[in-house]
Amino acid sequence: MAGLAVIAPIALIEGILGPRVYGWLYRTATRAAIDVLRARQRKPQEQITGMLDPEDNGESPLDSLLRREQIDRVRGMLAQLDVEKAQILLLRHEGMSYMEVAEIMCVRPGSVGTMLARAEEAFCKVYRRQVTGNERTPDMLVAKEER
């Protein structure tokens, strides 16, 4: 019965928007997930459950903890990006083609490459800022020092 409550509005929206409803739905869900990540970043929570029990893949508790910390770090970095940049990185990471990404994000397929390059650069800046405390690459710093 609860499934029908979800399917009926989607069918209604599909009648209005046509086949693009699925791209709209995916985009809305992605943005909602990014909002949740940002809210978590504002209110840090202890996530000890799951860390104590290694998953079925046989990794040790230490490996599980390190993997979870790395995942949390990447999620935190994605939360610092603009929504569209984080979304395009996630969509490509999921293995979607440029055409699929363009449809979901409601942009021209020719724009996806440029948007992806800009998103990757923004992610790299956030990463470098967190790791080194500086947005510039080591090559840029050396060139500046040589002047």
N, C-alpha and C. Protein backbone atom coordinates (compact mmCIF):
# COMPACT_ATOMS: atom_id res chain seq x y z
N MET A 1 0.82 -1.19 0.00
CA MET A 1 0.00 0.00 0.00
C MET A 1 0.87 1.27 0.00
N ALA A 2 1.97 1.25 0.80
CA ALA A 2 2.85 2.42 0.85
C ALA A 2 3.54 2.63 -0.49
N GLY A 3 3.84 1.52 -1.18
CA GLY A 3 4.46 1.63 -2.49
C GLY A 3 3.56 2.34 -3.48
N LEU A 4 2.27 2.10 -3.38
CA LEU A 4 1.30 2.75 -4.25
C LEU A 4 1.27 4.26 -4.00
N ALA A 5 1.47 4.65 -2.76
CA ALA A 5 1.49 6.07 -2.43
C ALA A 5 2.66 6.78 -3.09
N VAL A 6 3.73 6.05 -3.38
CA VAL A 6 4.88 6.63 -4.06
C VAL A 6 4.70 6.56 -5.57
N ILE A 7 4.19 5.45 -6.06
CA ILE A 7 4.07 5.23 -7.50
C ILE A 7 3.02 6.13 -8.13
N ALA A 8 1.89 6.33 -7.48
CA ALA A 8 0.81 7.13 -8.06
C ALA A 8 1.25 8.55 -8.38
N PRO A 9 1.92 9.28 -7.45
CA PRO A 9 2.37 10.63 -7.82
C PRO A 9 3.40 10.63 -8.94
N ILE A 10 4.27 9.60 -8.97
CA ILE A 10 5.27 9.54 -10.03
C ILE A 10 4.58 9.34 -11.37
N ALA A 11 3.58 8.48 -11.41
CA ALA A 11 2.83 8.27 -12.65
C ALA A 11 2.14 9.56 -13.09
N LEU A 12 1.60 10.32 -12.14
CA LEU A 12 0.96 11.59 -12.45
C LEU A 12 1.99 12.58 -13.01
N ILE A 13 3.14 12.66 -12.35
CA ILE A 13 4.19 13.57 -12.80
C ILE A 13 4.71 13.13 -14.16
N GLU A 14 4.83 11.82 -14.37
CA GLU A 14 5.29 11.31 -15.66
C GLU A 14 4.36 11.75 -16.78
N GLY A 15 3.06 11.78 -16.48
CA GLY A 15 2.10 12.24 -17.48
C GLY A 15 2.30 13.70 -17.82
N ILE A 16 2.78 14.49 -16.86
CA ILE A 16 2.99 15.92 -17.08
C ILE A 16 4.34 16.19 -17.71
N LEU A 17 5.40 15.60 -17.14
CA LEU A 17 6.77 15.87 -17.59
C LEU A 17 7.26 14.93 -18.68
N GLY A 18 6.60 13.80 -18.85
CA GLY A 18 7.04 12.82 -19.85
C GLY A 18 8.20 12.00 -19.31
N PRO A 19 9.03 11.47 -20.19
CA PRO A 19 10.11 10.58 -19.76
C PRO A 19 11.19 11.28 -18.95
N ARG A 20 11.20 12.59 -18.93
CA ARG A 20 12.22 13.32 -18.16
C ARG A 20 11.97 13.25 -16.66
N VAL A 21 10.86 12.67 -16.24
CA VAL A 21 10.53 12.61 -14.82
C VAL A 21 11.60 11.84 -14.05
N TYR A 22 12.16 10.82 -14.68
CA TYR A 22 13.15 10.01 -13.96
C TYR A 22 14.44 10.79 -13.71
N GLY A 23 14.84 11.61 -14.66
CA GLY A 23 15.99 12.49 -14.45
C GLY A 23 15.71 13.50 -13.35
N TRP A 24 14.50 14.05 -13.37
CA TRP A 24 14.10 15.01 -12.33
C TRP A 24 14.09 14.34 -10.96
N LEU A 25 13.53 13.12 -10.91
CA LEU A 25 13.45 12.40 -9.65
C LEU A 25 14.84 12.07 -9.11
N TYR A 26 15.72 11.63 -9.99
CA TYR A 26 17.10 11.30 -9.58
C TYR A 26 17.82 12.55 -9.09
N ARG A 27 17.65 13.65 -9.80
CA ARG A 27 18.30 14.90 -9.42
C ARG A 27 17.78 15.40 -8.06
N THR A 28 16.48 15.30 -7.85
CA THR A 28 15.88 15.72 -6.58
C THR A 28 16.39 14.85 -5.44
N ALA A 29 16.47 13.55 -5.65
CA ALA A 29 16.97 12.65 -4.61
C ALA A 29 18.44 12.91 -4.31
N THR A 30 19.23 13.19 -5.35
CA THR A 30 20.65 13.48 -5.15
C THR A 30 20.82 14.76 -4.34
N ARG A 31 20.06 15.77 -4.68
CA ARG A 31 20.16 17.04 -3.94
C ARG A 31 19.73 16.87 -2.48
N ALA A 32 18.71 16.05 -2.26
CA ALA A 32 18.28 15.79 -0.88
C ALA A 32 19.38 15.07 -0.10
N ALA A 33 20.05 14.14 -0.75
CA ALA A 33 21.14 13.42 -0.08
C ALA A 33 22.30 14.35 0.24
N ILE A 34 22.62 15.27 -0.66
CA ILE A 34 23.68 16.24 -0.40
C ILE A 34 23.30 17.16 0.74
N ASP A 35 22.03 17.54 0.82
CA ASP A 35 21.56 18.36 1.95
C ASP A 35 21.75 17.63 3.27
N VAL A 36 21.48 16.33 3.27
CA VAL A 36 21.67 15.53 4.49
C VAL A 36 23.14 15.51 4.87
N LEU A 37 24.03 15.35 3.88
CA LEU A 37 25.47 15.35 4.16
C LEU A 37 25.91 16.68 4.77
N ARG A 38 25.39 17.77 4.21
CA ARG A 38 25.75 19.08 4.75
C ARG A 38 25.23 19.26 6.18
N ALA A 39 24.03 18.77 6.44
CA ALA A 39 23.48 18.86 7.79
C ALA A 39 24.32 18.05 8.77
N ARG A 40 24.78 16.88 8.34
CA ARG A 40 25.64 16.06 9.21
C ARG A 40 26.95 16.76 9.49
N GLN A 41 27.46 17.47 8.49
CA GLN A 41 28.74 18.16 8.68
C GLN A 41 28.58 19.27 9.72
N ARG A 42 27.42 19.92 9.73
CA ARG A 42 27.18 20.98 10.71
C ARG A 42 26.99 20.40 12.11
N LYS A 43 26.42 19.21 12.19
CA LYS A 43 26.19 18.55 13.46
C LYS A 43 26.91 17.20 13.46
N PRO A 44 28.23 17.20 13.78
CA PRO A 44 28.97 15.94 13.74
C PRO A 44 28.35 14.90 14.66
N GLN A 45 28.27 13.70 14.16
CA GLN A 45 27.70 12.61 14.93
C GLN A 45 28.71 11.48 15.02
N GLU A 46 28.70 10.80 16.17
CA GLU A 46 29.52 9.61 16.33
C GLU A 46 28.84 8.47 15.61
N GLN A 47 29.57 7.80 14.77
CA GLN A 47 29.01 6.65 14.05
C GLN A 47 29.82 5.41 14.44
N ILE A 48 29.68 5.04 15.67
CA ILE A 48 30.45 3.91 16.16
C ILE A 48 29.81 2.59 15.75
N THR A 49 28.49 2.56 15.65
CA THR A 49 27.85 1.31 15.24
C THR A 49 28.30 0.97 13.84
N GLY A 50 28.60 -0.25 13.62
CA GLY A 50 29.11 -0.69 12.33
C GLY A 50 30.62 -0.70 12.30
N MET A 51 31.26 0.16 13.05
CA MET A 51 32.71 0.16 13.10
C MET A 51 33.21 -1.00 13.96
N LEU A 52 32.43 -1.37 14.95
CA LEU A 52 32.85 -2.43 15.84
C LEU A 52 32.68 -3.80 15.21
N ASP A 53 31.73 -3.93 14.29
CA ASP A 53 31.49 -5.20 13.62
C ASP A 53 32.00 -5.12 12.20
N PRO A 54 33.10 -5.84 11.88
CA PRO A 54 33.56 -5.80 10.50
C PRO A 54 32.50 -6.39 9.58
N GLU A 55 32.44 -5.88 8.38
CA GLU A 55 31.45 -6.36 7.43
C GLU A 55 31.80 -7.78 7.00
N ASP A 56 30.91 -8.38 6.26
CA ASP A 56 31.07 -9.76 5.83
C ASP A 56 32.24 -9.97 4.87
N ASN A 57 32.88 -8.89 4.42
CA ASN A 57 33.96 -9.06 3.47
C ASN A 57 35.26 -9.49 4.13
N GLY A 58 35.26 -9.73 5.42
CA GLY A 58 36.40 -10.29 6.11
C GLY A 58 37.47 -9.28 6.52
N GLU A 59 37.18 -8.00 6.41
CA GLU A 59 38.20 -7.03 6.81
C GLU A 59 38.24 -6.91 8.32
N SER A 60 39.38 -6.50 8.81
CA SER A 60 39.55 -6.35 10.25
C SER A 60 38.82 -5.11 10.73
N PRO A 61 38.59 -5.02 12.04
CA PRO A 61 37.94 -3.80 12.56
C PRO A 61 38.74 -2.54 12.24
N LEU A 62 40.07 -2.63 12.26
CA LEU A 62 40.90 -1.47 11.93
C LEU A 62 40.71 -1.06 10.47
N ASP A 63 40.71 -2.04 9.56
CA ASP A 63 40.50 -1.73 8.15
C ASP A 63 39.12 -1.13 7.92
N SER A 64 38.13 -1.67 8.62
CA SER A 64 36.77 -1.14 8.52
C SER A 64 36.70 0.30 9.00
N LEU A 65 37.36 0.59 10.11
CA LEU A 65 37.40 1.95 10.65
C LEU A 65 38.09 2.90 9.68
N LEU A 66 39.22 2.49 9.13
CA LEU A 66 39.96 3.35 8.20
C LEU A 66 39.15 3.60 6.93
N ARG A 67 38.48 2.58 6.42
CA ARG A 67 37.65 2.73 5.23
C ARG A 67 36.50 3.69 5.51
N ARG A 68 35.87 3.53 6.66
CA ARG A 68 34.74 4.39 7.03
C ARG A 68 35.20 5.84 7.21
N GLU A 69 36.38 6.04 7.79
CA GLU A 69 36.91 7.40 7.94
C GLU A 69 37.18 8.03 6.58
N GLN A 70 37.72 7.24 5.65
CA GLN A 70 37.98 7.76 4.32
C GLN A 70 36.67 8.12 3.61
N ILE A 71 35.66 7.29 3.75
CA ILE A 71 34.36 7.58 3.16
C ILE A 71 33.78 8.87 3.75
N ASP A 72 33.86 9.01 5.06
CA ASP A 72 33.35 10.22 5.71
C ASP A 72 34.11 11.46 5.25
N ARG A 73 35.43 11.31 5.04
CA ARG A 73 36.24 12.44 4.59
C ARG A 73 35.82 12.87 3.17
N VAL A 74 35.62 11.90 2.28
CA VAL A 74 35.20 12.22 0.91
C VAL A 74 33.80 12.84 0.92
N ARG A 75 32.90 12.30 1.72
CA ARG A 75 31.55 12.88 1.81
C ARG A 75 31.61 14.32 2.31
N GLY A 76 32.47 14.58 3.27
CA GLY A 76 32.63 15.94 3.78
C GLY A 76 33.14 16.89 2.71
N MET A 77 34.08 16.40 1.89
CA MET A 77 34.60 17.23 0.80
C MET A 77 33.53 17.48 -0.25
N LEU A 78 32.74 16.47 -0.58
CA LEU A 78 31.66 16.65 -1.53
C LEU A 78 30.63 17.65 -1.01
N ALA A 79 30.40 17.64 0.28
CA ALA A 79 29.43 18.56 0.88
C ALA A 79 29.88 20.01 0.79
N GLN A 80 31.18 20.24 0.62
CA GLN A 80 31.70 21.60 0.51
C GLN A 80 31.57 22.15 -0.91
N LEU A 81 31.29 21.29 -1.87
CA LEU A 81 31.14 21.73 -3.26
C LEU A 81 29.74 22.26 -3.52
N ASP A 82 29.60 22.98 -4.63
CA ASP A 82 28.27 23.36 -5.09
C ASP A 82 27.50 22.08 -5.37
N VAL A 83 26.20 22.13 -5.24
CA VAL A 83 25.36 20.95 -5.42
C VAL A 83 25.57 20.33 -6.80
N GLU A 84 25.59 21.15 -7.84
CA GLU A 84 25.71 20.61 -9.19
C GLU A 84 27.07 19.94 -9.41
N LYS A 85 28.12 20.49 -8.82
CA LYS A 85 29.45 19.88 -8.97
C LYS A 85 29.52 18.54 -8.25
N ALA A 86 28.98 18.50 -7.05
CA ALA A 86 28.97 17.23 -6.31
C ALA A 86 28.11 16.21 -7.05
N GLN A 87 26.99 16.66 -7.58
CA GLN A 87 26.08 15.75 -8.27
C GLN A 87 26.72 15.15 -9.51
N ILE A 88 27.40 15.96 -10.32
CA ILE A 88 27.98 15.43 -11.55
C ILE A 88 29.11 14.45 -11.23
N LEU A 89 29.87 14.71 -10.17
CA LEU A 89 30.92 13.77 -9.77
C LEU A 89 30.31 12.43 -9.34
N LEU A 90 29.24 12.50 -8.57
CA LEU A 90 28.59 11.28 -8.11
C LEU A 90 27.97 10.49 -9.27
N LEU A 91 27.35 11.20 -10.19
CA LEU A 91 26.74 10.52 -11.33
C LEU A 91 27.78 9.79 -12.17
N ARG A 92 28.90 10.44 -12.45
CA ARG A 92 29.95 9.80 -13.24
C ARG A 92 30.59 8.65 -12.45
N HIS A 93 30.73 8.82 -11.14
CA HIS A 93 31.29 7.75 -10.31
C HIS A 93 30.38 6.52 -10.34
N GLU A 94 29.09 6.74 -10.50
CA GLU A 94 28.13 5.63 -10.60
C GLU A 94 28.23 4.95 -11.96
N GLY A 95 29.03 5.49 -12.87
CA GLY A 95 29.23 4.85 -14.17
C GLY A 95 28.28 5.31 -15.25
N MET A 96 27.60 6.42 -15.04
CA MET A 96 26.66 6.91 -16.04
C MET A 96 27.41 7.57 -17.19
N SER A 97 26.84 7.44 -18.38
CA SER A 97 27.43 8.05 -19.56
C SER A 97 27.17 9.56 -19.55
N TYR A 98 27.87 10.26 -20.43
CA TYR A 98 27.64 11.70 -20.55
C TYR A 98 26.19 11.99 -20.92
N MET A 99 25.63 11.15 -21.80
CA MET A 99 24.23 11.36 -22.21
C MET A 99 23.29 11.20 -21.02
N GLU A 100 23.52 10.19 -20.20
CA GLU A 100 22.67 9.97 -19.03
C GLU A 100 22.81 11.13 -18.03
N VAL A 101 24.06 11.56 -17.82
CA VAL A 101 24.31 12.69 -16.91
C VAL A 101 23.62 13.94 -17.43
N ALA A 102 23.71 14.18 -18.73
CA ALA A 102 23.09 15.36 -19.33
C ALA A 102 21.57 15.33 -19.14
N GLU A 103 20.98 14.17 -19.32
CA GLU A 103 19.53 14.05 -19.17
C GLU A 103 19.11 14.30 -17.72
N ILE A 104 19.84 13.72 -16.78
CA ILE A 104 19.49 13.88 -15.36
C ILE A 104 19.66 15.32 -14.91
N MET A 105 20.74 15.96 -15.38
CA MET A 105 21.03 17.32 -14.93
C MET A 105 20.37 18.38 -15.81
N CYS A 106 19.66 17.94 -16.84
CA CYS A 106 18.95 18.86 -17.73
C CYS A 106 19.90 19.87 -18.39
N VAL A 107 21.01 19.35 -18.94
CA VAL A 107 21.98 20.18 -19.67
C VAL A 107 22.26 19.51 -21.02
N ARG A 108 22.94 20.24 -21.89
CA ARG A 108 23.32 19.66 -23.18
C ARG A 108 24.44 18.63 -22.97
N PRO A 109 24.43 17.55 -23.71
CA PRO A 109 25.49 16.54 -23.56
C PRO A 109 26.89 17.11 -23.78
N GLY A 110 27.01 18.10 -24.65
CA GLY A 110 28.31 18.72 -24.89
C GLY A 110 28.84 19.50 -23.71
N SER A 111 27.98 19.85 -22.78
CA SER A 111 28.41 20.62 -21.60
C SER A 111 28.92 19.73 -20.47
N VAL A 112 28.63 18.45 -20.53
CA VAL A 112 28.97 17.56 -19.42
C VAL A 112 30.47 17.49 -19.18
N GLY A 113 31.26 17.40 -20.25
CA GLY A 113 32.72 17.31 -20.10
C GLY A 113 33.29 18.51 -19.39
N THR A 114 32.86 19.69 -19.78
CA THR A 114 33.34 20.92 -19.15
C THR A 114 32.90 20.99 -17.69
N MET A 115 31.64 20.66 -17.46
CA MET A 115 31.13 20.69 -16.08
C MET A 115 31.88 19.68 -15.20
N LEU A 116 32.17 18.51 -15.76
CA LEU A 116 32.89 17.49 -15.02
C LEU A 116 34.31 17.93 -14.70
N ALA A 117 34.98 18.54 -15.67
CA ALA A 117 36.34 19.03 -15.44
C ALA A 117 36.36 20.10 -14.35
N ARG A 118 35.40 21.00 -14.38
CA ARG A 118 35.32 22.04 -13.35
C ARG A 118 35.02 21.44 -11.97
N ALA A 119 34.16 20.45 -11.95
CA ALA A 119 33.82 19.79 -10.68
C ALA A 119 35.03 19.05 -10.12
N GLU A 120 35.79 18.38 -10.98
CA GLU A 120 36.99 17.67 -10.52
C GLU A 120 38.01 18.65 -9.98
N GLU A 121 38.18 19.78 -10.65
CA GLU A 121 39.12 20.80 -10.18
C GLU A 121 38.68 21.36 -8.82
N ALA A 122 37.40 21.61 -8.66
CA ALA A 122 36.89 22.11 -7.37
C ALA A 122 37.11 21.08 -6.27
N PHE A 123 36.88 19.80 -6.58
CA PHE A 123 37.10 18.75 -5.59
C PHE A 123 38.58 18.68 -5.21
N CYS A 124 39.45 18.80 -6.22
CA CYS A 124 40.90 18.77 -5.95
C CYS A 124 41.33 19.93 -5.06
N LYS A 125 40.74 21.11 -5.28
CA LYS A 125 41.06 22.26 -4.43
C LYS A 125 40.66 22.01 -2.99
N VAL A 126 39.47 21.46 -2.80
CA VAL A 126 39.00 21.14 -1.44
C VAL A 126 39.92 20.10 -0.82
N TYR A 127 40.30 19.09 -1.60
CA TYR A 127 41.19 18.04 -1.10
C TYR A 127 42.54 18.61 -0.70
N ARG A 128 43.13 19.42 -1.59
CA ARG A 128 44.44 20.00 -1.27
C ARG A 128 44.36 20.91 -0.05
N ARG A 129 43.26 21.65 0.08
CA ARG A 129 43.08 22.53 1.23
C ARG A 129 43.05 21.72 2.52
N GLN A 130 42.38 20.58 2.49
CA GLN A 130 42.29 19.76 3.70
C GLN A 130 43.59 19.04 4.01
N VAL A 131 44.28 18.57 2.97
CA VAL A 131 45.50 17.80 3.19
C VAL A 131 46.70 18.69 3.48
N THR A 132 46.86 19.76 2.70
CA THR A 132 48.05 20.59 2.84
C THR A 132 47.77 21.95 3.48
N GLY A 133 46.51 22.32 3.57
CA GLY A 133 46.17 23.64 4.08
C GLY A 133 46.32 24.72 3.03
N ASN A 134 46.53 24.30 1.76
CA ASN A 134 46.72 25.25 0.69
C ASN A 134 46.04 24.71 -0.56
N GLU A 135 45.39 25.58 -1.35
CA GLU A 135 44.69 25.15 -2.56
C GLU A 135 45.62 24.91 -3.72
N ARG A 136 46.81 25.46 -3.68
CA ARG A 136 47.72 25.37 -4.81
C ARG A 136 48.44 24.03 -4.83
N THR A 137 48.80 23.61 -6.04
CA THR A 137 49.56 22.38 -6.18
C THR A 137 51.01 22.66 -5.82
N PRO A 138 51.79 21.63 -5.47
CA PRO A 138 53.21 21.86 -5.17
C PRO A 138 53.96 22.53 -6.31
N ASP A 139 53.61 22.22 -7.58
CA ASP A 139 54.25 22.86 -8.73
C ASP A 139 54.02 24.35 -8.73
N MET A 140 52.82 24.79 -8.39
CA MET A 140 52.49 26.21 -8.36
C MET A 140 53.26 26.90 -7.24
N LEU A 141 53.43 26.23 -6.11
CA LEU A 141 54.16 26.82 -5.00
C LEU A 141 55.63 26.98 -5.34
N VAL A 142 56.24 25.97 -5.99
CA VAL A 142 57.64 26.05 -6.37
C VAL A 142 57.86 27.17 -7.37
N ALA A 143 56.99 27.30 -8.35
CA ALA A 143 57.11 28.37 -9.34
C ALA A 143 57.02 29.73 -8.68
N LYS A 144 56.19 29.89 -7.70
CA LYS A 144 56.05 31.17 -7.01
C LYS A 144 57.29 31.48 -6.20
N GLU A 145 57.88 30.46 -5.56
CA GLU A 145 59.07 30.66 -4.75
C GLU A 145 60.28 31.03 -5.60
N GLU A 146 60.34 30.55 -6.85
CA GLU A 146 61.47 30.81 -7.73
C GLU A 146 61.49 32.25 -8.23
N ARG A 147 60.36 32.94 -8.16
CA ARG A 147 60.30 34.33 -8.66
C ARG A 147 61.09 35.25 -7.81
